[in-house]
Amino acid sequence: MKHFMIRYEFKNGTTEASTKAWHQEIGRFIKAIDNDPELKGRLSYRVLKNRDDGHYFHLASVADEDAQKTLQSRDFFKAYAEMTRKVAAGGEVTATPIEMIDATA
């Protein structure tokens, strides 16, 4: 398993409507992953947000490098990655490979 954390601050709009629209985009992206027969069961994707500000954390786990390449080849991934850069409004979007040490069952 390979794990990644994507971090950024939501800066492109501060209204509740703009935040809601972004959350809907996140939902569409996750649904696209779930509905992709080549990715189903090979990829885990979670999105978390700091309650007190606009910082987001995306946690992705892929079964293998082929699953990662498959995801990156999809048009829905390319569009989502571009939207993520836009909502960061010129801010930094950081993707960091992370290592799992331990977890609950």
C-alpha atoms as a PDB file:
ATOM      1  CA  MET A   1       0.000   0.000   0.000  1.00  0.00           C
ATOM      2  CA  LYS A   2       1.176   3.510  -0.834  1.00  0.00           C
ATOM      3  CA  HIS A   3      -0.228   6.440   1.151  1.00  0.00           C
ATOM      4  CA  PHE A   4      -0.326  10.155   0.389  1.00  0.00           C
ATOM      5  CA  MET A   5      -1.528  13.272   2.160  1.00  0.00           C
ATOM      6  CA  ILE A   6      -2.585  16.265   0.057  1.00  0.00           C
ATOM      7  CA  ARG A   7      -2.765  19.575   1.950  1.00  0.00           C
ATOM      8  CA  TYR A   8      -3.955  23.046   0.979  1.00  0.00           C
ATOM      9  CA  GLU A   9      -5.942  25.990   2.232  1.00  0.00           C
ATOM     10  CA  PHE A  10      -9.297  26.771   0.612  1.00  0.00           C
ATOM     11  CA  LYS A  11      -8.931  30.384  -0.536  1.00  0.00           C
ATOM     12  CA  ASN A  12     -11.139  30.718  -3.598  1.00  0.00           C
ATOM     13  CA  GLY A  13     -14.274  31.948  -1.905  1.00  0.00           C
ATOM     14  CA  THR A  14     -15.157  32.162   1.735  1.00  0.00           C
ATOM     15  CA  THR A  15     -18.911  32.014   1.621  1.00  0.00           C
ATOM     16  CA  GLU A  16     -20.881  29.037   2.808  1.00  0.00           C
ATOM     17  CA  ALA A  17     -22.103  28.549  -0.782  1.00  0.00           C
ATOM     18  CA  SER A  18     -18.574  28.338  -2.204  1.00  0.00           C
ATOM     19  CA  THR A  19     -17.547  25.883   0.517  1.00  0.00           C
ATOM     20  CA  LYS A  20     -20.669  23.802  -0.117  1.00  0.00           C
ATOM     21  CA  ALA A  21     -19.931  23.751  -3.862  1.00  0.00           C
ATOM     22  CA  TRP A  22     -16.386  22.531  -3.167  1.00  0.00           C
ATOM     23  CA  HIS A  23     -17.689  19.788  -0.879  1.00  0.00           C
ATOM     24  CA  GLN A  24     -20.039  18.693  -3.665  1.00  0.00           C
ATOM     25  CA  GLU A  25     -17.051  18.484  -6.052  1.00  0.00           C
ATOM     26  CA  ILE A  26     -15.220  16.336  -3.513  1.00  0.00           C
ATOM     27  CA  GLY A  27     -18.261  14.065  -3.325  1.00  0.00           C
ATOM     28  CA  ARG A  28     -18.414  13.740  -7.118  1.00  0.00           C
ATOM     29  CA  PHE A  29     -14.720  12.849  -7.240  1.00  0.00           C
ATOM     30  CA  ILE A  30     -15.089  10.155  -4.592  1.00  0.00           C
ATOM     31  CA  LYS A  31     -18.174   8.772  -6.341  1.00  0.00           C
ATOM     32  CA  ALA A  32     -16.219   8.615  -9.618  1.00  0.00           C
ATOM     33  CA  ILE A  33     -13.517   6.581  -7.866  1.00  0.00           C
ATOM     34  CA  ASP A  34     -16.112   4.261  -6.330  1.00  0.00           C
ATOM     35  CA  ASN A  35     -17.783   3.763  -9.722  1.00  0.00           C
ATOM     36  CA  ASP A  36     -14.566   3.028 -11.629  1.00  0.00           C
ATOM     37  CA  PRO A  37     -14.322  -0.767 -12.044  1.00  0.00           C
ATOM     38  CA  GLU A  38     -10.522  -0.673 -12.366  1.00  0.00           C
ATOM     39  CA  LEU A  39     -10.121   1.316  -9.135  1.00  0.00           C
ATOM     40  CA  LYS A  40     -12.819  -0.260  -6.968  1.00  0.00           C
ATOM     41  CA  GLY A  41     -11.179  -1.860  -3.952  1.00  0.00           C
ATOM     42  CA  ARG A  42      -7.710  -0.677  -4.976  1.00  0.00           C
ATOM     43  CA  LEU A  43      -7.934   2.898  -3.740  1.00  0.00           C
ATOM     44  CA  SER A  44      -9.068   4.577  -0.536  1.00  0.00           C
ATOM     45  CA  TYR A  45      -9.671   8.338  -0.497  1.00  0.00           C
ATOM     46  CA  ARG A  46     -10.727  10.476   2.471  1.00  0.00           C
ATOM     47  CA  VAL A  47     -11.051  14.228   2.763  1.00  0.00           C
ATOM     48  CA  LEU A  48     -10.857  16.031   6.090  1.00  0.00           C
ATOM     49  CA  LYS A  49     -11.064  19.703   7.005  1.00  0.00           C
ATOM     50  CA  ASN A  50      -9.806  21.643   9.979  1.00  0.00           C
ATOM     51  CA  ARG A  51     -12.995  22.761  11.755  1.00  0.00           C
ATOM     52  CA  ASP A  52     -11.575  26.160  12.634  1.00  0.00           C
ATOM     53  CA  ASP A  53     -10.217  27.310   9.277  1.00  0.00           C
ATOM     54  CA  GLY A  54      -9.983  26.488   5.565  1.00  0.00           C
ATOM     55  CA  HIS A  55      -7.198  23.885   5.701  1.00  0.00           C
ATOM     56  CA  TYR A  56      -8.004  20.590   3.976  1.00  0.00           C
ATOM     57  CA  PHE A  57      -6.280  17.222   4.199  1.00  0.00           C
ATOM     58  CA  HIS A  58      -6.856  14.484   1.641  1.00  0.00           C
ATOM     59  CA  LEU A  59      -5.660  11.002   2.565  1.00  0.00           C
ATOM     60  CA  ALA A  60      -5.171   8.630  -0.340  1.00  0.00           C
ATOM     61  CA  SER A  61      -4.086   5.003  -0.203  1.00  0.00           C
ATOM     62  CA  VAL A  62      -3.440   2.980  -3.334  1.00  0.00           C
ATOM     63  CA  ALA A  63      -2.921  -0.765  -3.503  1.00  0.00           C
ATOM     64  CA  ASP A  64      -0.021  -0.475  -5.936  1.00  0.00           C
ATOM     65  CA  GLU A  65       1.627   1.779  -8.486  1.00  0.00           C
ATOM     66  CA  ASP A  66      -0.706   0.530 -11.241  1.00  0.00           C
ATOM     67  CA  ALA A  67      -3.730   1.758  -9.286  1.00  0.00           C
ATOM     68  CA  GLN A  68      -2.034   5.141  -8.855  1.00  0.00           C
ATOM     69  CA  LYS A  69      -1.290   5.363 -12.589  1.00  0.00           C
ATOM     70  CA  THR A  70      -4.832   4.305 -13.444  1.00  0.00           C
ATOM     71  CA  LEU A  71      -6.264   7.057 -11.232  1.00  0.00           C
ATOM     72  CA  GLN A  72      -3.918   9.673 -12.675  1.00  0.00           C
ATOM     73  CA  SER A  73      -4.935   8.687 -16.225  1.00  0.00           C
ATOM     74  CA  ARG A  74      -8.619   9.382 -15.607  1.00  0.00           C
ATOM     75  CA  ASP A  75     -10.162  12.621 -16.888  1.00  0.00           C
ATOM     76  CA  PHE A  76     -12.108  13.014 -13.620  1.00  0.00           C
ATOM     77  CA  PHE A  77      -8.792  12.974 -11.701  1.00  0.00           C
ATOM     78  CA  LYS A  78      -7.201  15.570 -13.984  1.00  0.00           C
ATOM     79  CA  ALA A  79     -10.227  17.868 -13.656  1.00  0.00           C
ATOM     80  CA  TYR A  80     -10.323  17.431  -9.861  1.00  0.00           C
ATOM     81  CA  ALA A  81      -6.593  18.109  -9.486  1.00  0.00           C
ATOM     82  CA  GLU A  82      -7.030  21.328 -11.479  1.00  0.00           C
ATOM     83  CA  MET A  83     -10.030  22.369  -9.362  1.00  0.00           C
ATOM     84  CA  THR A  84      -8.015  21.719  -6.199  1.00  0.00           C
ATOM     85  CA  ARG A  85      -5.315  24.110  -7.434  1.00  0.00           C
ATOM     86  CA  LYS A  86      -8.015  26.691  -8.209  1.00  0.00           C
ATOM     87  CA  VAL A  87      -9.661  26.551  -4.786  1.00  0.00           C
ATOM     88  CA  ALA A  88      -6.224  27.009  -3.240  1.00  0.00           C
ATOM     89  CA  ALA A  89      -6.210  30.278  -5.284  1.00  0.00           C
ATOM     90  CA  GLY A  90      -2.528  30.423  -5.981  1.00  0.00           C
ATOM     91  CA  GLY A  91      -1.695  28.823  -2.672  1.00  0.00           C
ATOM     92  CA  GLU A  92       0.364  25.712  -2.362  1.00  0.00           C
ATOM     93  CA  VAL A  93      -1.111  22.250  -2.822  1.00  0.00           C
ATOM     94  CA  THR A  94       1.286  19.763  -1.260  1.00  0.00           C
ATOM     95  CA  ALA A  95       1.216  16.025  -1.934  1.00  0.00           C
ATOM     96  CA  THR A  96       3.373  14.132   0.545  1.00  0.00           C
ATOM     97  CA  PRO A  97       4.076  10.398   0.484  1.00  0.00           C
ATOM     98  CA  ILE A  98       3.400   9.129   4.009  1.00  0.00           C
ATOM     99  CA  GLU A  99       4.169   5.864   5.750  1.00  0.00           C
ATOM    100  CA  MET A 100       1.666   3.876   7.818  1.00  0.00           C
ATOM    101  CA  ILE A 101       3.128   2.854  11.160  1.00  0.00           C
ATOM    102  CA  ASP A 102       0.088   1.218  12.782  1.00  0.00           C
ATOM    103  CA  ALA A 103      -3.704   1.448  12.865  1.00  0.00           C
ATOM    104  CA  THR A 104      -6.752   0.116  14.654  1.00  0.00           C
ATOM    105  CA  ALA A 105      -8.439  -2.978  13.257  1.00  0.00           C
END
